[in-house]
Amino acid sequence: QVQLVESGGGLVQAGGSLRLSCVASGSIFSINTMGWYRQAPGKQRELVAGITSYGITSYADSVKGRFTISRDNAKNTVYLQMNSLKPEDTTVYYCNLRTPGGFDYWGQGTQVTVSS
């Protein structure tokens, strides 16, 4: 059983930055892939960025070069640094943890709003 708690969302103007944090608690496995997803109304949930336990990262083309995912294993925390934000980035962002067995845990979501 794992609980994910996100923070750091909010309102920012275009070109600004936000840093999202996700803290995992409960039965944490040593080997987990974690990531950030986003889902706009009427759209599929899409992977924004992912990071393995060894620090290997992947990004959606739409955010590559602007967003950076990182993790602090000692704090059971994953971060998403979002720079050069655009109005198109406005949506709810969800933290994800995937177990070695392929089971997904999800955070409650944090709202990111970028004004033009």
N, C-alpha and C. Protein backbone atom coordinates (compact mmCIF):
# COMPACT_ATOMS: atom_id res chain seq x y z
N GLN A 1 0.83 -1.19 0.00
CA GLN A 1 0.00 0.00 0.00
C GLN A 1 0.88 1.25 0.00
N VAL A 2 0.65 2.12 -0.98
CA VAL A 2 1.45 3.33 -1.15
C VAL A 2 0.53 4.53 -1.27
N GLN A 3 0.92 5.63 -0.64
CA GLN A 3 0.21 6.89 -0.78
C GLN A 3 1.15 7.93 -1.39
N LEU A 4 0.66 8.68 -2.37
CA LEU A 4 1.43 9.73 -3.02
C LEU A 4 0.76 11.07 -2.77
N VAL A 5 1.52 12.05 -2.30
CA VAL A 5 1.00 13.37 -2.00
C VAL A 5 1.77 14.41 -2.80
N GLU A 6 1.06 15.15 -3.65
CA GLU A 6 1.66 16.14 -4.51
C GLU A 6 1.52 17.54 -3.92
N SER A 7 2.43 18.42 -4.30
CA SER A 7 2.36 19.82 -3.92
C SER A 7 3.13 20.65 -4.94
N GLY A 8 2.94 21.96 -4.89
CA GLY A 8 3.71 22.87 -5.73
C GLY A 8 2.95 23.46 -6.90
N GLY A 9 1.74 22.99 -7.16
CA GLY A 9 0.96 23.56 -8.23
C GLY A 9 0.46 24.95 -7.87
N GLY A 10 -0.05 25.66 -8.87
CA GLY A 10 -0.55 26.99 -8.63
C GLY A 10 -0.72 27.77 -9.91
N LEU A 11 -0.81 29.08 -9.76
CA LEU A 11 -1.00 30.00 -10.88
C LEU A 11 0.30 30.72 -11.18
N VAL A 12 0.68 30.73 -12.45
CA VAL A 12 1.90 31.40 -12.88
C VAL A 12 1.67 32.00 -14.26
N GLN A 13 2.36 33.09 -14.56
CA GLN A 13 2.22 33.69 -15.88
C GLN A 13 3.11 32.98 -16.90
N ALA A 14 2.76 33.11 -18.17
CA ALA A 14 3.53 32.48 -19.23
C ALA A 14 5.00 32.87 -19.14
N GLY A 15 5.86 31.88 -19.32
CA GLY A 15 7.29 32.09 -19.21
C GLY A 15 7.85 31.85 -17.82
N GLY A 16 6.98 31.69 -16.85
CA GLY A 16 7.40 31.47 -15.48
C GLY A 16 7.71 30.03 -15.19
N SER A 17 7.98 29.74 -13.91
CA SER A 17 8.39 28.41 -13.48
C SER A 17 7.62 27.95 -12.27
N LEU A 18 7.48 26.63 -12.15
CA LEU A 18 6.93 25.98 -10.98
C LEU A 18 7.72 24.71 -10.71
N ARG A 19 7.75 24.29 -9.46
CA ARG A 19 8.39 23.03 -9.09
C ARG A 19 7.39 22.17 -8.34
N LEU A 20 7.02 21.04 -8.93
CA LEU A 20 6.11 20.11 -8.30
C LEU A 20 6.89 19.09 -7.49
N SER A 21 6.32 18.69 -6.36
CA SER A 21 6.91 17.66 -5.51
C SER A 21 5.90 16.56 -5.25
N CYS A 22 6.38 15.34 -5.12
CA CYS A 22 5.54 14.19 -4.81
C CYS A 22 6.25 13.33 -3.78
N VAL A 23 5.64 13.18 -2.61
CA VAL A 23 6.22 12.39 -1.53
C VAL A 23 5.47 11.06 -1.43
N ALA A 24 6.21 9.97 -1.48
CA ALA A 24 5.64 8.63 -1.36
C ALA A 24 5.78 8.12 0.06
N SER A 25 4.73 7.49 0.57
CA SER A 25 4.76 6.91 1.90
C SER A 25 4.06 5.56 1.88
N GLY A 26 4.31 4.75 2.90
CA GLY A 26 3.74 3.42 2.98
C GLY A 26 4.78 2.36 2.67
N SER A 27 4.33 1.31 2.00
CA SER A 27 5.21 0.20 1.66
C SER A 27 5.95 0.52 0.37
N ILE A 28 7.13 1.12 0.52
CA ILE A 28 7.90 1.57 -0.63
C ILE A 28 8.92 0.50 -1.02
N PHE A 29 8.85 0.06 -2.27
CA PHE A 29 9.82 -0.90 -2.78
C PHE A 29 11.11 -0.19 -3.17
N SER A 30 12.20 -0.94 -3.15
CA SER A 30 13.49 -0.36 -3.48
C SER A 30 13.58 0.04 -4.94
N ILE A 31 12.94 -0.74 -5.81
CA ILE A 31 13.00 -0.49 -7.24
C ILE A 31 11.62 -0.06 -7.73
N ASN A 32 11.49 1.22 -8.03
CA ASN A 32 10.24 1.77 -8.54
C ASN A 32 10.53 2.79 -9.63
N THR A 33 9.71 2.78 -10.66
CA THR A 33 9.72 3.85 -11.63
C THR A 33 8.67 4.87 -11.22
N MET A 34 9.02 6.15 -11.25
CA MET A 34 8.09 7.21 -10.90
C MET A 34 7.99 8.20 -12.04
N GLY A 35 6.87 8.92 -12.09
CA GLY A 35 6.69 9.86 -13.17
C GLY A 35 5.58 10.84 -12.90
N TRP A 36 5.44 11.76 -13.82
CA TRP A 36 4.39 12.76 -13.80
C TRP A 36 3.54 12.62 -15.06
N TYR A 37 2.24 12.62 -14.87
CA TYR A 37 1.28 12.59 -15.96
C TYR A 37 0.41 13.84 -15.89
N ARG A 38 -0.23 14.17 -16.99
CA ARG A 38 -1.22 15.24 -16.98
C ARG A 38 -2.42 14.83 -17.81
N GLN A 39 -3.57 15.38 -17.46
CA GLN A 39 -4.81 15.04 -18.15
C GLN A 39 -5.69 16.27 -18.24
N ALA A 40 -5.90 16.73 -19.46
CA ALA A 40 -6.82 17.82 -19.72
C ALA A 40 -8.23 17.26 -19.91
N PRO A 41 -9.25 18.09 -19.68
CA PRO A 41 -10.63 17.61 -19.86
C PRO A 41 -10.86 17.05 -21.26
N GLY A 42 -11.44 15.86 -21.33
CA GLY A 42 -11.72 15.23 -22.60
C GLY A 42 -10.54 14.60 -23.28
N LYS A 43 -9.38 14.60 -22.63
CA LYS A 43 -8.17 14.05 -23.22
C LYS A 43 -7.69 12.84 -22.43
N GLN A 44 -6.86 12.02 -23.07
CA GLN A 44 -6.22 10.89 -22.39
C GLN A 44 -5.14 11.40 -21.44
N ARG A 45 -4.93 10.66 -20.38
CA ARG A 45 -3.82 10.96 -19.49
C ARG A 45 -2.51 10.64 -20.21
N GLU A 46 -1.60 11.60 -20.25
CA GLU A 46 -0.36 11.42 -20.97
C GLU A 46 0.84 11.52 -20.04
N LEU A 47 1.86 10.76 -20.37
CA LEU A 47 3.11 10.80 -19.62
C LEU A 47 3.87 12.08 -19.96
N VAL A 48 4.19 12.86 -18.94
CA VAL A 48 4.97 14.07 -19.11
C VAL A 48 6.46 13.77 -18.95
N ALA A 49 6.81 13.06 -17.88
CA ALA A 49 8.19 12.72 -17.60
C ALA A 49 8.23 11.51 -16.69
N GLY A 50 9.24 10.65 -16.88
CA GLY A 50 9.42 9.48 -16.04
C GLY A 50 10.87 9.33 -15.64
N ILE A 51 11.09 8.63 -14.53
CA ILE A 51 12.45 8.42 -14.04
C ILE A 51 12.53 7.06 -13.35
N THR A 52 13.55 6.27 -13.70
CA THR A 52 13.74 4.97 -13.09
C THR A 52 14.49 5.11 -11.77
N SER A 53 14.61 3.99 -11.04
CA SER A 53 15.34 4.00 -9.78
C SER A 53 16.81 4.33 -9.97
N TYR A 54 17.32 4.13 -11.17
CA TYR A 54 18.71 4.44 -11.47
C TYR A 54 18.89 5.85 -12.04
N GLY A 55 17.81 6.59 -12.20
CA GLY A 55 17.90 7.96 -12.66
C GLY A 55 17.78 8.15 -14.15
N ILE A 56 17.39 7.12 -14.88
CA ILE A 56 17.19 7.26 -16.32
C ILE A 56 15.86 7.97 -16.56
N THR A 57 15.88 9.03 -17.36
CA THR A 57 14.71 9.88 -17.55
C THR A 57 14.16 9.78 -18.96
N SER A 58 12.88 10.10 -19.09
CA SER A 58 12.23 10.22 -20.39
C SER A 58 11.23 11.36 -20.32
N TYR A 59 10.97 12.00 -21.48
CA TYR A 59 10.10 13.16 -21.52
C TYR A 59 9.20 13.12 -22.74
N ALA A 60 8.02 13.69 -22.60
CA ALA A 60 7.18 13.93 -23.75
C ALA A 60 7.83 15.00 -24.62
N ASP A 61 7.66 14.87 -25.93
CA ASP A 61 8.26 15.83 -26.85
C ASP A 61 7.82 17.26 -26.55
N SER A 62 6.60 17.43 -26.10
CA SER A 62 6.05 18.76 -25.87
C SER A 62 6.72 19.50 -24.71
N VAL A 63 7.40 18.78 -23.82
CA VAL A 63 8.02 19.41 -22.66
C VAL A 63 9.53 19.28 -22.66
N LYS A 64 10.08 18.54 -23.60
CA LYS A 64 11.52 18.30 -23.64
C LYS A 64 12.27 19.63 -23.76
N GLY A 65 13.27 19.81 -22.92
CA GLY A 65 14.03 21.04 -22.90
C GLY A 65 13.48 22.09 -21.96
N ARG A 66 12.24 21.92 -21.49
CA ARG A 66 11.62 22.87 -20.57
C ARG A 66 11.43 22.29 -19.17
N PHE A 67 11.10 21.00 -19.10
CA PHE A 67 10.84 20.34 -17.82
C PHE A 67 11.99 19.41 -17.46
N THR A 68 12.24 19.25 -16.17
CA THR A 68 13.26 18.33 -15.67
C THR A 68 12.70 17.52 -14.51
N ILE A 69 12.77 16.19 -14.61
CA ILE A 69 12.34 15.32 -13.53
C ILE A 69 13.56 14.84 -12.76
N SER A 70 13.43 14.74 -11.45
CA SER A 70 14.50 14.25 -10.59
C SER A 70 13.90 13.54 -9.39
N ARG A 71 14.74 12.81 -8.65
CA ARG A 71 14.25 12.11 -7.47
C ARG A 71 15.29 12.13 -6.37
N ASP A 72 14.81 12.09 -5.14
CA ASP A 72 15.63 11.99 -3.95
C ASP A 72 15.17 10.74 -3.23
N ASN A 73 15.89 9.65 -3.41
CA ASN A 73 15.46 8.37 -2.84
C ASN A 73 15.46 8.37 -1.32
N ALA A 74 16.37 9.12 -0.71
CA ALA A 74 16.42 9.20 0.75
C ALA A 74 15.15 9.83 1.31
N LYS A 75 14.52 10.71 0.56
CA LYS A 75 13.30 11.38 0.99
C LYS A 75 12.04 10.80 0.34
N ASN A 76 12.21 9.75 -0.46
CA ASN A 76 11.08 9.14 -1.18
C ASN A 76 10.28 10.19 -1.94
N THR A 77 10.98 11.07 -2.62
CA THR A 77 10.36 12.21 -3.28
C THR A 77 10.82 12.32 -4.72
N VAL A 78 9.88 12.66 -5.59
CA VAL A 78 10.18 12.95 -6.98
C VAL A 78 9.74 14.38 -7.27
N TYR A 79 10.50 15.08 -8.12
CA TYR A 79 10.24 16.47 -8.43
C TYR A 79 10.04 16.65 -9.93
N LEU A 80 9.31 17.69 -10.28
CA LEU A 80 9.20 18.12 -11.67
C LEU A 80 9.44 19.62 -11.72
N GLN A 81 10.60 20.02 -12.22
CA GLN A 81 10.91 21.43 -12.42
C GLN A 81 10.37 21.84 -13.78
N MET A 82 9.47 22.80 -13.79
CA MET A 82 8.81 23.25 -15.01
C MET A 82 9.22 24.69 -15.29
N ASN A 83 9.94 24.90 -16.38
CA ASN A 83 10.38 26.22 -16.80
C ASN A 83 9.72 26.60 -18.12
N SER A 84 9.78 27.89 -18.44
CA SER A 84 9.22 28.40 -19.69
C SER A 84 7.80 27.91 -19.91
N LEU A 85 6.98 28.03 -18.88
CA LEU A 85 5.63 27.50 -18.93
C LEU A 85 4.78 28.23 -19.96
N LYS A 86 3.89 27.47 -20.60
CA LYS A 86 2.99 27.97 -21.62
C LYS A 86 1.55 27.75 -21.19
N PRO A 87 0.62 28.56 -21.71
CA PRO A 87 -0.79 28.32 -21.39
C PRO A 87 -1.25 26.90 -21.71
N GLU A 88 -0.65 26.28 -22.73
CA GLU A 88 -1.01 24.91 -23.10
C GLU A 88 -0.64 23.89 -22.03
N ASP A 89 0.22 24.27 -21.08
CA ASP A 89 0.59 23.38 -19.98
C ASP A 89 -0.47 23.35 -18.88
N THR A 90 -1.48 24.19 -18.98
CA THR A 90 -2.51 24.28 -17.96
C THR A 90 -3.35 22.99 -17.91
N THR A 91 -3.33 22.33 -16.77
CA THR A 91 -4.12 21.13 -16.54
C THR A 91 -3.78 20.59 -15.16
N VAL A 92 -4.33 19.42 -14.85
CA VAL A 92 -4.03 18.75 -13.59
C VAL A 92 -2.87 17.79 -13.81
N TYR A 93 -1.90 17.83 -12.92
CA TYR A 93 -0.74 16.96 -12.99
C TYR A 93 -0.81 15.91 -11.89
N TYR A 94 -0.52 14.66 -12.26
CA TYR A 94 -0.62 13.53 -11.35
C TYR A 94 0.72 12.84 -11.18
N CYS A 95 1.08 12.55 -9.94
CA CYS A 95 2.26 11.76 -9.65
C CYS A 95 1.93 10.28 -9.77
N ASN A 96 2.87 9.50 -10.27
CA ASN A 96 2.69 8.07 -10.49
C ASN A 96 3.87 7.29 -9.96
N LEU A 97 3.58 6.15 -9.33
CA LEU A 97 4.60 5.19 -8.94
C LEU A 97 4.23 3.83 -9.51
N ARG A 98 5.17 3.19 -10.20
CA ARG A 98 4.93 1.87 -10.78
C ARG A 98 5.83 0.85 -10.11
N THR A 99 5.21 -0.20 -9.56
CA THR A 99 5.95 -1.24 -8.86
C THR A 99 6.63 -2.17 -9.86
N PRO A 100 7.61 -2.96 -9.39
CA PRO A 100 8.24 -3.95 -10.29
C PRO A 100 7.23 -4.90 -10.91
N GLY A 101 6.12 -5.17 -10.24
CA GLY A 101 5.09 -6.03 -10.78
C GLY A 101 4.16 -5.34 -11.76
N GLY A 102 4.35 -4.04 -11.98
CA GLY A 102 3.56 -3.32 -12.95
C GLY A 102 2.29 -2.68 -12.41
N PHE A 103 2.14 -2.58 -11.09
CA PHE A 103 0.97 -1.95 -10.50
C PHE A 103 1.20 -0.45 -10.31
N ASP A 104 0.22 0.35 -10.70
CA ASP A 104 0.32 1.81 -10.63
C ASP A 104 -0.39 2.38 -9.41
N TYR A 105 0.30 3.28 -8.71
CA TYR A 105 -0.30 4.11 -7.68
C TYR A 105 -0.33 5.55 -8.18
N TRP A 106 -1.37 6.29 -7.78
CA TRP A 106 -1.57 7.65 -8.26
C TRP A 106 -1.79 8.63 -7.12
N GLY A 107 -1.27 9.84 -7.29
CA GLY A 107 -1.57 10.93 -6.39
C GLY A 107 -2.92 11.53 -6.70
N GLN A 108 -3.34 12.48 -5.88
CA GLN A 108 -4.66 13.09 -6.03
C GLN A 108 -4.71 14.14 -7.13
N GLY A 109 -3.57 14.59 -7.59
CA GLY A 109 -3.48 15.60 -8.63
C GLY A 109 -3.27 16.98 -8.06
N THR A 110 -2.52 17.80 -8.77
CA THR A 110 -2.30 19.18 -8.40
C THR A 110 -2.50 20.07 -9.63
N GLN A 111 -3.24 21.15 -9.46
CA GLN A 111 -3.61 22.02 -10.57
C GLN A 111 -2.47 22.97 -10.92
N VAL A 112 -2.16 23.04 -12.20
CA VAL A 112 -1.21 24.01 -12.73
C VAL A 112 -1.96 24.89 -13.73
N THR A 113 -1.93 26.20 -13.50
CA THR A 113 -2.60 27.15 -14.38
C THR A 113 -1.60 28.20 -14.85
N VAL A 114 -1.47 28.34 -16.16
CA VAL A 114 -0.53 29.28 -16.77
C VAL A 114 -1.33 30.34 -17.52
N SER A 115 -1.22 31.57 -17.10
CA SER A 115 -1.95 32.67 -17.72
C SER A 115 -1.13 33.28 -18.85
N SER A 116 -1.82 33.83 -19.84
CA SER A 116 -1.16 34.45 -20.98
C SER A 116 -1.03 35.95 -20.80
